[in-house]
Amino acid sequence: MNVNWEDGFEIRVKAEAGCALVSANRAGLRSLAGILLALAEEPRPGTHIHLDAYNSLEDGSDELILEKLE
């Protein structure tokens, strides 16, 4: 899956008490939208992407996994 990150993107994820908060600037939201569109076009269920503070999210963010269902 090809992921295109917009310049200057910032994305933060916090999970607490059964709730996930995703905060992002304009470039981050556009980047996430691109990831969701790319996942939607994947032919195989189970295709997924992991995002965390070591891979694309801001420091202190919780891990976010986006996955395509059947």
N, C-alpha and C. Protein backbone atom coordinates (compact mmCIF):
# COMPACT_ATOMS: atom_id res chain seq x y z
N MET A 1 0.85 -1.17 0.00
CA MET A 1 0.00 0.00 0.00
C MET A 1 0.90 1.23 0.00
N ASN A 2 0.62 2.14 -0.87
CA ASN A 2 1.40 3.36 -1.00
C ASN A 2 0.77 4.45 -0.13
N VAL A 3 1.56 4.99 0.80
CA VAL A 3 1.10 6.06 1.68
C VAL A 3 1.82 7.35 1.31
N ASN A 4 1.06 8.39 1.07
CA ASN A 4 1.62 9.70 0.74
C ASN A 4 1.36 10.65 1.91
N TRP A 5 2.44 11.05 2.56
CA TRP A 5 2.32 11.99 3.68
C TRP A 5 2.48 13.41 3.15
N GLU A 6 1.56 14.29 3.54
CA GLU A 6 1.67 15.69 3.15
C GLU A 6 2.75 16.37 4.00
N ASP A 7 3.46 17.31 3.39
CA ASP A 7 4.51 18.04 4.11
C ASP A 7 3.93 18.73 5.34
N GLY A 8 4.64 18.61 6.45
CA GLY A 8 4.26 19.30 7.68
C GLY A 8 3.15 18.62 8.47
N PHE A 9 2.85 17.36 8.15
CA PHE A 9 1.75 16.70 8.85
C PHE A 9 2.07 16.49 10.33
N GLU A 10 1.04 16.61 11.17
CA GLU A 10 1.13 16.30 12.59
C GLU A 10 -0.12 15.53 12.97
N ILE A 11 0.09 14.39 13.62
CA ILE A 11 -1.02 13.54 14.04
C ILE A 11 -0.72 13.04 15.45
N ARG A 12 -1.68 13.17 16.33
CA ARG A 12 -1.56 12.65 17.69
C ARG A 12 -2.74 11.72 17.97
N VAL A 13 -2.48 10.65 18.71
CA VAL A 13 -3.52 9.70 19.10
C VAL A 13 -3.41 9.46 20.60
N LYS A 14 -4.52 9.59 21.30
CA LYS A 14 -4.60 9.29 22.72
C LYS A 14 -5.80 8.38 22.96
N ALA A 15 -5.56 7.29 23.67
CA ALA A 15 -6.63 6.35 24.01
C ALA A 15 -6.77 6.33 25.53
N GLU A 16 -7.98 6.62 26.01
CA GLU A 16 -8.27 6.62 27.44
C GLU A 16 -9.70 6.20 27.67
N ALA A 17 -9.90 5.36 28.66
CA ALA A 17 -11.25 4.97 29.12
C ALA A 17 -12.16 4.57 27.97
N GLY A 18 -11.64 3.77 27.05
CA GLY A 18 -12.47 3.26 25.96
C GLY A 18 -12.73 4.25 24.85
N CYS A 19 -11.98 5.34 24.83
CA CYS A 19 -12.18 6.37 23.81
C CYS A 19 -10.84 6.68 23.16
N ALA A 20 -10.85 6.83 21.85
CA ALA A 20 -9.64 7.22 21.11
C ALA A 20 -9.85 8.62 20.55
N LEU A 21 -8.88 9.49 20.80
CA LEU A 21 -8.90 10.85 20.27
C LEU A 21 -7.79 10.97 19.25
N VAL A 22 -8.15 11.31 18.01
CA VAL A 22 -7.18 11.56 16.95
C VAL A 22 -7.20 13.05 16.67
N SER A 23 -6.07 13.70 16.87
CA SER A 23 -5.93 15.14 16.63
C SER A 23 -4.90 15.34 15.54
N ALA A 24 -5.18 16.21 14.60
CA ALA A 24 -4.25 16.42 13.49
C ALA A 24 -4.43 17.81 12.90
N ASN A 25 -3.33 18.31 12.33
CA ASN A 25 -3.44 19.55 11.57
C ASN A 25 -3.99 19.22 10.17
N ARG A 26 -4.13 20.25 9.36
CA ARG A 26 -4.73 20.05 8.02
C ARG A 26 -3.97 19.00 7.22
N ALA A 27 -2.64 19.09 7.20
CA ALA A 27 -1.83 18.13 6.45
C ALA A 27 -1.98 16.73 7.03
N GLY A 28 -2.09 16.64 8.34
CA GLY A 28 -2.29 15.34 8.98
C GLY A 28 -3.63 14.72 8.63
N LEU A 29 -4.67 15.53 8.65
CA LEU A 29 -6.00 15.02 8.28
C LEU A 29 -6.04 14.57 6.82
N ARG A 30 -5.41 15.33 5.96
CA ARG A 30 -5.37 14.95 4.54
C ARG A 30 -4.56 13.67 4.35
N SER A 31 -3.49 13.52 5.11
CA SER A 31 -2.68 12.30 5.04
C SER A 31 -3.49 11.10 5.52
N LEU A 32 -4.21 11.25 6.64
CA LEU A 32 -5.05 10.16 7.14
C LEU A 32 -6.15 9.81 6.14
N ALA A 33 -6.72 10.82 5.51
CA ALA A 33 -7.75 10.56 4.49
C ALA A 33 -7.17 9.73 3.35
N GLY A 34 -5.96 10.04 2.95
CA GLY A 34 -5.31 9.27 1.89
C GLY A 34 -5.08 7.82 2.30
N ILE A 35 -4.68 7.61 3.56
CA ILE A 35 -4.49 6.25 4.06
C ILE A 35 -5.82 5.49 4.02
N LEU A 36 -6.88 6.11 4.48
CA LEU A 36 -8.19 5.45 4.49
C LEU A 36 -8.66 5.12 3.07
N LEU A 37 -8.45 6.02 2.13
CA LEU A 37 -8.82 5.75 0.74
C LEU A 37 -7.99 4.60 0.17
N ALA A 38 -6.69 4.58 0.48
CA ALA A 38 -5.83 3.50 0.00
C ALA A 38 -6.26 2.16 0.59
N LEU A 39 -6.61 2.14 1.87
CA LEU A 39 -7.09 0.90 2.50
C LEU A 39 -8.39 0.43 1.86
N ALA A 40 -9.27 1.38 1.57
CA ALA A 40 -10.55 1.03 0.96
C ALA A 40 -10.37 0.34 -0.38
N GLU A 41 -9.32 0.68 -1.11
CA GLU A 41 -9.09 0.11 -2.43
C GLU A 41 -8.29 -1.19 -2.40
N GLU A 42 -7.76 -1.56 -1.24
CA GLU A 42 -7.00 -2.82 -1.13
C GLU A 42 -7.95 -4.01 -1.35
N PRO A 43 -7.54 -4.99 -2.14
CA PRO A 43 -8.43 -6.12 -2.43
C PRO A 43 -8.56 -7.13 -1.29
N ARG A 44 -7.59 -7.15 -0.38
CA ARG A 44 -7.59 -8.19 0.66
C ARG A 44 -8.07 -7.66 2.01
N PRO A 45 -9.05 -8.35 2.60
CA PRO A 45 -9.40 -8.03 3.99
C PRO A 45 -8.19 -8.30 4.88
N GLY A 46 -8.07 -7.56 5.95
CA GLY A 46 -6.95 -7.74 6.86
C GLY A 46 -5.76 -6.85 6.55
N THR A 47 -5.77 -6.20 5.37
CA THR A 47 -4.70 -5.24 5.07
C THR A 47 -4.78 -4.15 6.13
N HIS A 48 -3.64 -3.77 6.67
CA HIS A 48 -3.64 -2.79 7.76
C HIS A 48 -2.37 -1.96 7.76
N ILE A 49 -2.41 -0.91 8.56
CA ILE A 49 -1.25 -0.06 8.75
C ILE A 49 -1.15 0.27 10.24
N HIS A 50 0.07 0.22 10.77
CA HIS A 50 0.35 0.58 12.15
C HIS A 50 0.96 1.97 12.18
N LEU A 51 0.42 2.82 13.01
CA LEU A 51 0.99 4.15 13.22
C LEU A 51 1.30 4.28 14.71
N ASP A 52 2.47 4.81 15.04
CA ASP A 52 2.83 5.05 16.43
C ASP A 52 3.85 6.17 16.49
N ALA A 53 4.32 6.47 17.70
CA ALA A 53 5.26 7.58 17.88
C ALA A 53 6.59 7.33 17.16
N TYR A 54 6.89 6.09 16.84
CA TYR A 54 8.12 5.76 16.12
C TYR A 54 7.89 5.74 14.61
N ASN A 55 6.61 5.79 14.21
CA ASN A 55 6.25 5.70 12.80
C ASN A 55 5.10 6.65 12.50
N SER A 56 5.40 7.92 12.34
CA SER A 56 4.46 8.91 11.80
C SER A 56 3.66 9.71 12.81
N LEU A 57 3.44 9.23 14.04
CA LEU A 57 2.67 9.99 15.01
C LEU A 57 3.59 10.83 15.88
N GLU A 58 3.00 11.86 16.49
CA GLU A 58 3.77 12.74 17.37
C GLU A 58 4.22 11.99 18.62
N ASP A 59 5.31 12.44 19.22
CA ASP A 59 5.81 11.85 20.46
C ASP A 59 4.71 11.81 21.52
N GLY A 60 4.66 10.70 22.25
CA GLY A 60 3.67 10.54 23.30
C GLY A 60 2.35 9.98 22.81
N SER A 61 2.22 9.77 21.51
CA SER A 61 0.97 9.22 20.97
C SER A 61 0.84 7.74 21.28
N ASP A 62 -0.38 7.28 21.40
CA ASP A 62 -0.67 5.85 21.51
C ASP A 62 -0.70 5.27 20.10
N GLU A 63 -0.54 3.95 20.01
CA GLU A 63 -0.53 3.28 18.71
C GLU A 63 -1.93 3.30 18.09
N LEU A 64 -1.96 3.44 16.78
CA LEU A 64 -3.20 3.39 16.01
C LEU A 64 -3.03 2.37 14.91
N ILE A 65 -3.96 1.43 14.83
CA ILE A 65 -3.96 0.43 13.75
C ILE A 65 -5.23 0.63 12.95
N LEU A 66 -5.08 0.80 11.66
CA LEU A 66 -6.21 0.92 10.74
C LEU A 66 -6.23 -0.34 9.89
N GLU A 67 -7.39 -1.01 9.81
CA GLU A 67 -7.48 -2.30 9.12
C GLU A 67 -8.73 -2.35 8.25
N LYS A 68 -8.59 -2.97 7.10
CA LYS A 68 -9.74 -3.18 6.21
C LYS A 68 -10.43 -4.50 6.57
N LEU A 69 -11.73 -4.42 6.76
CA LEU A 69 -12.55 -5.61 6.97
C LEU A 69 -13.03 -6.15 5.63
N GLU A 70 -13.74 -7.24 5.66
CA GLU A 70 -14.28 -7.81 4.42
C GLU A 70 -15.25 -6.88 3.76
